[in-house]
Each structure stands twice: as structure tokens, then as C-alpha cells.
Amino acid sequence: MNKTLTIILITLAVLLIGYNVTLVNYENPLEGNSVIALIGIVASLCAIVLLLIYLTSKKIQKKIEED
């Protein structure tokens, strides 16, 4: 997986977070479709963290191979 694809996936995850934020009912955030939206927000945040860890590991691997 190259850097461009990773950036596209991070952008998609951010867009999903934005969409799910609009679905949350702030009066009752733990009822109905709001729970599904909150799960989607948390899942997207996890995906972003995993992709950033992946990018960092690739940078470390590149530095190790150069030495």
C-alpha cells in the first residue's frame, strides 16, 4: 500500500466522521440510530489511528533499510 492510497483512506475516514456527526441526535445520543452513528465515528477514528501507525512504521522501515 503506497502513501497516496493511505492518504485517500484517511480522507475517507474523516468524511465518514463528518457524516456520522450529522446523524447523532444530541438530545438522546445513546438511543436509536445515534448509537450506530457513534459506533461509526469510533470505528473511523480507529481506522485513522491504524493508518497513521502504518505510515510511521513504513518511515521507520525505510530509515532502517537506508543504514
PDB file of N, CA and C in Angstrom:
ATOM      1  N   MET A   1       0.858  -1.173   0.000  1.00  0.00           N
ATOM      2  CA  MET A   1       0.000   0.000   0.000  1.00  0.00           C
ATOM      3  C   MET A   1       0.897   1.227   0.000  1.00  0.00           C
ATOM      4  N   ASN A   2       0.672   2.105  -0.951  1.00  0.00           N
ATOM      5  CA  ASN A   2       1.529   3.276  -1.031  1.00  0.00           C
ATOM      6  C   ASN A   2       0.935   4.451  -0.260  1.00  0.00           C
ATOM      7  N   LYS A   3       1.696   5.521  -0.218  1.00  0.00           N
ATOM      8  CA  LYS A   3       1.325   6.681   0.598  1.00  0.00           C
ATOM      9  C   LYS A   3       0.054   7.349   0.079  1.00  0.00           C
ATOM     10  N   THR A   4      -0.122   7.392  -1.223  1.00  0.00           N
ATOM     11  CA  THR A   4      -1.298   8.035  -1.807  1.00  0.00           C
ATOM     12  C   THR A   4      -2.579   7.318  -1.387  1.00  0.00           C
ATOM     13  N   LEU A   5      -2.563   6.003  -1.455  1.00  0.00           N
ATOM     14  CA  LEU A   5      -3.734   5.227  -1.051  1.00  0.00           C
ATOM     15  C   LEU A   5      -4.035   5.418   0.429  1.00  0.00           C
ATOM     16  N   THR A   6      -3.017   5.492   1.246  1.00  0.00           N
ATOM     17  CA  THR A   6      -3.207   5.701   2.675  1.00  0.00           C
ATOM     18  C   THR A   6      -3.837   7.060   2.949  1.00  0.00           C
ATOM     19  N   ILE A   7      -3.383   8.081   2.252  1.00  0.00           N
ATOM     20  CA  ILE A   7      -3.957   9.422   2.428  1.00  0.00           C
ATOM     21  C   ILE A   7      -5.415   9.453   1.965  1.00  0.00           C
ATOM     22  N   ILE A   8      -5.724   8.753   0.881  1.00  0.00           N
ATOM     23  CA  ILE A   8      -7.110   8.684   0.409  1.00  0.00           C
ATOM     24  C   ILE A   8      -7.989   7.995   1.450  1.00  0.00           C
ATOM     25  N   LEU A   9      -7.493   6.915   2.049  1.00  0.00           N
ATOM     26  CA  LEU A   9      -8.262   6.211   3.072  1.00  0.00           C
ATOM     27  C   LEU A   9      -8.474   7.065   4.320  1.00  0.00           C
ATOM     28  N   ILE A  10      -7.465   7.825   4.705  1.00  0.00           N
ATOM     29  CA  ILE A  10      -7.613   8.731   5.851  1.00  0.00           C
ATOM     30  C   ILE A  10      -8.652   9.800   5.536  1.00  0.00           C
ATOM     31  N   THR A  11      -8.630  10.333   4.322  1.00  0.00           N
ATOM     32  CA  THR A  11      -9.607  11.342   3.918  1.00  0.00           C
ATOM     33  C   THR A  11     -11.024  10.768   3.947  1.00  0.00           C
ATOM     34  N   LEU A  12     -11.189   9.541   3.459  1.00  0.00           N
ATOM     35  CA  LEU A  12     -12.500   8.902   3.501  1.00  0.00           C
ATOM     36  C   LEU A  12     -12.981   8.697   4.936  1.00  0.00           C
ATOM     37  N   ALA A  13     -12.070   8.327   5.823  1.00  0.00           N
ATOM     38  CA  ALA A  13     -12.446   8.146   7.223  1.00  0.00           C
ATOM     39  C   ALA A  13     -12.878   9.464   7.853  1.00  0.00           C
ATOM     40  N   VAL A  14     -12.189  10.551   7.516  1.00  0.00           N
ATOM     41  CA  VAL A  14     -12.580  11.866   8.038  1.00  0.00           C
ATOM     42  C   VAL A  14     -13.953  12.260   7.502  1.00  0.00           C
ATOM     43  N   LEU A  15     -14.217  11.985   6.237  1.00  0.00           N
ATOM     44  CA  LEU A  15     -15.528  12.282   5.662  1.00  0.00           C
ATOM     45  C   LEU A  15     -16.629  11.455   6.332  1.00  0.00           C
ATOM     46  N   LEU A  16     -16.331  10.204   6.649  1.00  0.00           N
ATOM     47  CA  LEU A  16     -17.300   9.360   7.357  1.00  0.00           C
ATOM     48  C   LEU A  16     -17.583   9.900   8.752  1.00  0.00           C
ATOM     49  N   ILE A  17     -16.562  10.414   9.405  1.00  0.00           N
ATOM     50  CA  ILE A  17     -16.765  11.030  10.718  1.00  0.00           C
ATOM     51  C   ILE A  17     -17.696  12.228  10.580  1.00  0.00           C
ATOM     52  N   GLY A  18     -17.458  13.059   9.589  1.00  0.00           N
ATOM     53  CA  GLY A  18     -18.312  14.221   9.368  1.00  0.00           C
ATOM     54  C   GLY A  18     -19.751  13.841   9.096  1.00  0.00           C
ATOM     55  N   TYR A  19     -19.952  12.805   8.302  1.00  0.00           N
ATOM     56  CA  TYR A  19     -21.308  12.347   8.004  1.00  0.00           C
ATOM     57  C   TYR A  19     -21.991  11.796   9.255  1.00  0.00           C
ATOM     58  N   ASN A  20     -21.271  10.996  10.013  1.00  0.00           N
ATOM     59  CA  ASN A  20     -21.860  10.385  11.206  1.00  0.00           C
ATOM     60  C   ASN A  20     -22.161  11.413  12.287  1.00  0.00           C
ATOM     61  N   VAL A  21     -21.385  12.480  12.346  1.00  0.00           N
ATOM     62  CA  VAL A  21     -21.667  13.535  13.326  1.00  0.00           C
ATOM     63  C   VAL A  21     -23.024  14.172  13.038  1.00  0.00           C
ATOM     64  N   THR A  22     -23.382  14.264  11.762  1.00  0.00           N
ATOM     65  CA  THR A  22     -24.680  14.854  11.424  1.00  0.00           C
ATOM     66  C   THR A  22     -25.841  13.932  11.793  1.00  0.00           C
ATOM     67  N   LEU A  23     -25.589  12.640  11.943  1.00  0.00           N
ATOM     68  CA  LEU A  23     -26.650  11.685  12.274  1.00  0.00           C
ATOM     69  C   LEU A  23     -26.910  11.563  13.772  1.00  0.00           C
ATOM     70  N   VAL A  24     -26.023  12.073  14.593  1.00  0.00           N
ATOM     71  CA  VAL A  24     -26.167  11.917  16.044  1.00  0.00           C
ATOM     72  C   VAL A  24     -27.252  12.860  16.546  1.00  0.00           C
ATOM     73  N   ASN A  25     -28.179  12.295  17.321  1.00  0.00           N
ATOM     74  CA  ASN A  25     -29.200  13.090  17.995  1.00  0.00           C
ATOM     75  C   ASN A  25     -28.628  13.474  19.351  1.00  0.00           C
ATOM     76  N   TYR A  26     -28.310  14.744  19.530  1.00  0.00           N
ATOM     77  CA  TYR A  26     -27.602  15.168  20.731  1.00  0.00           C
ATOM     78  C   TYR A  26     -28.493  15.208  21.973  1.00  0.00           C
ATOM     79  N   GLU A  27     -29.804  15.133  21.792  1.00  0.00           N
ATOM     80  CA  GLU A  27     -30.694  15.063  22.949  1.00  0.00           C
ATOM     81  C   GLU A  27     -30.694  13.666  23.559  1.00  0.00           C
ATOM     82  N   ASN A  28     -30.633  12.643  22.707  1.00  0.00           N
ATOM     83  CA  ASN A  28     -30.561  11.244  23.159  1.00  0.00           C
ATOM     84  C   ASN A  28     -29.474  10.520  22.368  1.00  0.00           C
ATOM     85  N   PRO A  29     -28.205  10.746  22.706  1.00  0.00           N
ATOM     86  CA  PRO A  29     -27.131  10.186  21.870  1.00  0.00           C
ATOM     87  C   PRO A  29     -26.963   8.670  21.994  1.00  0.00           C
ATOM     88  N   LEU A  30     -27.574   8.048  22.970  1.00  0.00           N
ATOM     89  CA  LEU A  30     -27.400   6.606  23.141  1.00  0.00           C
ATOM     90  C   LEU A  30     -28.665   5.828  22.800  1.00  0.00           C
ATOM     91  N   GLU A  31     -29.510   6.375  21.944  1.00  0.00           N
ATOM     92  CA  GLU A  31     -30.737   5.695  21.548  1.00  0.00           C
ATOM     93  C   GLU A  31     -30.877   5.710  20.034  1.00  0.00           C
ATOM     94  N   GLY A  32     -31.429   4.639  19.498  1.00  0.00           N
ATOM     95  CA  GLY A  32     -31.749   4.560  18.073  1.00  0.00           C
ATOM     96  C   GLY A  32     -30.549   4.619  17.163  1.00  0.00           C
ATOM     97  N   ASN A  33     -30.675   5.392  16.102  1.00  0.00           N
ATOM     98  CA  ASN A  33     -29.618   5.484  15.087  1.00  0.00           C
ATOM     99  C   ASN A  33     -28.398   6.258  15.578  1.00  0.00           C
ATOM    100  N   SER A  34     -28.540   6.993  16.671  1.00  0.00           N
ATOM    101  CA  SER A  34     -27.401   7.733  17.207  1.00  0.00           C
ATOM    102  C   SER A  34     -26.301   6.793  17.672  1.00  0.00           C
ATOM    103  N   VAL A  35     -26.686   5.646  18.205  1.00  0.00           N
ATOM    104  CA  VAL A  35     -25.686   4.666  18.659  1.00  0.00           C
ATOM    105  C   VAL A  35     -24.886   4.161  17.465  1.00  0.00           C
ATOM    106  N   ILE A  36     -25.574   3.901  16.368  1.00  0.00           N
ATOM    107  CA  ILE A  36     -24.888   3.427  15.163  1.00  0.00           C
ATOM    108  C   ILE A  36     -23.941   4.499  14.645  1.00  0.00           C
ATOM    109  N   ALA A  37     -24.378   5.752  14.694  1.00  0.00           N
ATOM    110  CA  ALA A  37     -23.520   6.858  14.246  1.00  0.00           C
ATOM    111  C   ALA A  37     -22.297   6.989  15.152  1.00  0.00           C
ATOM    112  N   LEU A  38     -22.483   6.842  16.461  1.00  0.00           N
ATOM    113  CA  LEU A  38     -21.342   6.918  17.385  1.00  0.00           C
ATOM    114  C   LEU A  38     -20.360   5.782  17.150  1.00  0.00           C
ATOM    115  N   ILE A  39     -20.884   4.590  16.881  1.00  0.00           N
ATOM    116  CA  ILE A  39     -20.011   3.453  16.568  1.00  0.00           C
ATOM    117  C   ILE A  39     -19.228   3.734  15.290  1.00  0.00           C
ATOM    118  N   GLY A  40     -19.876   4.335  14.300  1.00  0.00           N
ATOM    119  CA  GLY A  40     -19.201   4.692  13.053  1.00  0.00           C
ATOM    120  C   GLY A  40     -18.107   5.713  13.270  1.00  0.00           C
ATOM    121  N   ILE A  41     -18.350   6.671  14.163  1.00  0.00           N
ATOM    122  CA  ILE A  41     -17.328   7.683  14.472  1.00  0.00           C
ATOM    123  C   ILE A  41     -16.122   7.025  15.129  1.00  0.00           C
ATOM    124  N   VAL A  42     -16.373   6.162  16.100  1.00  0.00           N
ATOM    125  CA  VAL A  42     -15.272   5.489  16.799  1.00  0.00           C
ATOM    126  C   VAL A  42     -14.506   4.575  15.844  1.00  0.00           C
ATOM    127  N   ALA A  43     -15.220   3.869  14.980  1.00  0.00           N
ATOM    128  CA  ALA A  43     -14.556   2.985  14.017  1.00  0.00           C
ATOM    129  C   ALA A  43     -13.682   3.780  13.046  1.00  0.00           C
ATOM    130  N   SER A  44     -14.170   4.931  12.608  1.00  0.00           N
ATOM    131  CA  SER A  44     -13.380   5.763  11.700  1.00  0.00           C
ATOM    132  C   SER A  44     -12.138   6.313  12.391  1.00  0.00           C
ATOM    133  N   LEU A  45     -12.292   6.698  13.654  1.00  0.00           N
ATOM    134  CA  LEU A  45     -11.119   7.167  14.406  1.00  0.00           C
ATOM    135  C   LEU A  45     -10.091   6.049  14.566  1.00  0.00           C
ATOM    136  N   CYS A  46     -10.559   4.835  14.815  1.00  0.00           N
ATOM    137  CA  CYS A  46      -9.636   3.690  14.918  1.00  0.00           C
ATOM    138  C   CYS A  46      -8.914   3.447  13.595  1.00  0.00           C
ATOM    139  N   ALA A  47      -9.641   3.564  12.496  1.00  0.00           N
ATOM    140  CA  ALA A  47      -9.027   3.372  11.181  1.00  0.00           C
ATOM    141  C   ALA A  47      -7.955   4.420  10.922  1.00  0.00           C
ATOM    142  N   ILE A  48      -8.222   5.658  11.316  1.00  0.00           N
ATOM    143  CA  ILE A  48      -7.232   6.722  11.135  1.00  0.00           C
ATOM    144  C   ILE A  48      -5.988   6.436  11.958  1.00  0.00           C
ATOM    145  N   VAL A  49      -6.167   6.020  13.196  1.00  0.00           N
ATOM    146  CA  VAL A  49      -5.016   5.714  14.058  1.00  0.00           C
ATOM    147  C   VAL A  49      -4.204   4.570  13.469  1.00  0.00           C
ATOM    148  N   LEU A  50      -4.877   3.530  13.000  1.00  0.00           N
ATOM    149  CA  LEU A  50      -4.154   2.396  12.413  1.00  0.00           C
ATOM    150  C   LEU A  50      -3.392   2.802  11.155  1.00  0.00           C
ATOM    151  N   LEU A  51      -3.989   3.634  10.324  1.00  0.00           N
ATOM    152  CA  LEU A  51      -3.298   4.085   9.114  1.00  0.00           C
ATOM    153  C   LEU A  51      -2.104   4.971   9.446  1.00  0.00           C
ATOM    154  N   LEU A  52      -2.221   5.802  10.467  1.00  0.00           N
ATOM    155  CA  LEU A  52      -1.083   6.625  10.876  1.00  0.00           C
ATOM    156  C   LEU A  52       0.036   5.763  11.465  1.00  0.00           C
ATOM    157  N   ILE A  53      -0.320   4.729  12.210  1.00  0.00           N
ATOM    158  CA  ILE A  53       0.699   3.796  12.712  1.00  0.00           C
ATOM    159  C   ILE A  53       1.389   3.104  11.543  1.00  0.00           C
ATOM    160  N   TYR A  54       0.612   2.732  10.535  1.00  0.00           N
ATOM    161  CA  TYR A  54       1.180   2.091   9.350  1.00  0.00           C
ATOM    162  C   TYR A  54       2.167   3.013   8.641  1.00  0.00           C
ATOM    163  N   LEU A  55       1.779   4.276   8.460  1.00  0.00           N
ATOM    164  CA  LEU A  55       2.681   5.235   7.810  1.00  0.00           C
ATOM    165  C   LEU A  55       3.963   5.418   8.611  1.00  0.00           C
ATOM    166  N   THR A  56       3.837   5.502   9.931  1.00  0.00           N
ATOM    167  CA  THR A  56       5.012   5.662  10.780  1.00  0.00           C
ATOM    168  C   THR A  56       5.926   4.445  10.695  1.00  0.00           C
ATOM    169  N   SER A  57       5.334   3.253  10.683  1.00  0.00           N
ATOM    170  CA  SER A  57       6.157   2.048  10.600  1.00  0.00           C
ATOM    171  C   SER A  57       6.884   1.957   9.262  1.00  0.00           C
ATOM    172  N   LYS A  58       6.229   2.420   8.198  1.00  0.00           N
ATOM    173  CA  LYS A  58       6.897   2.416   6.898  1.00  0.00           C
ATOM    174  C   LYS A  58       8.067   3.399   6.872  1.00  0.00           C
ATOM    175  N   LYS A  59       7.919   4.565   7.518  1.00  0.00           N
ATOM    176  CA  LYS A  59       9.021   5.522   7.593  1.00  0.00           C
ATOM    177  C   LYS A  59      10.186   4.941   8.384  1.00  0.00           C
ATOM    178  N   ILE A  60       9.890   4.261   9.482  1.00  0.00           N
ATOM    179  CA  ILE A  60      10.940   3.647  10.293  1.00  0.00           C
ATOM    180  C   ILE A  60      11.644   2.551   9.498  1.00  0.00           C
ATOM    181  N   GLN A  61      10.860   1.748   8.780  1.00  0.00           N
ATOM    182  CA  GLN A  61      11.439   0.658   7.975  1.00  0.00           C
ATOM    183  C   GLN A  61      12.353   1.234   6.892  1.00  0.00           C
ATOM    184  N   LYS A  62      11.954   2.332   6.283  1.00  0.00           N
ATOM    185  CA  LYS A  62      12.777   2.949   5.240  1.00  0.00           C
ATOM    186  C   LYS A  62      14.104   3.459   5.827  1.00  0.00           C
ATOM    187  N   LYS A  63      14.050   4.068   7.020  1.00  0.00           N
ATOM    188  CA  LYS A  63      15.281   4.568   7.652  1.00  0.00           C
ATOM    189  C   LYS A  63      16.203   3.417   8.029  1.00  0.00           C
ATOM    190  N   ILE A  64      15.647   2.319   8.498  1.00  0.00           N
ATOM    191  CA  ILE A  64      16.463   1.173   8.876  1.00  0.00           C
ATOM    192  C   ILE A  64      17.130   0.571   7.633  1.00  0.00           C
ATOM    193  N   GLU A  65      16.407   0.488   6.523  1.00  0.00           N
ATOM    194  CA  GLU A  65      16.974  -0.069   5.303  1.00  0.00           C
ATOM    195  C   GLU A  65      18.053   0.815   4.716  1.00  0.00           C
ATOM    196  N   GLU A  66      17.980   2.126   4.954  1.00  0.00           N
ATOM    197  CA  GLU A  66      18.999   3.031   4.423  1.00  0.00           C
ATOM    198  C   GLU A  66      20.324   2.876   5.162  1.00  0.00           C
ATOM    199  N   ASP A  67      20.274   2.518   6.431  1.00  0.00           N
ATOM    200  CA  ASP A  67      21.514   2.388   7.215  1.00  0.00           C
ATOM    201  C   ASP A  67      22.258   1.114   6.957  1.00  0.00           C
TER     202      ASP A  67
END
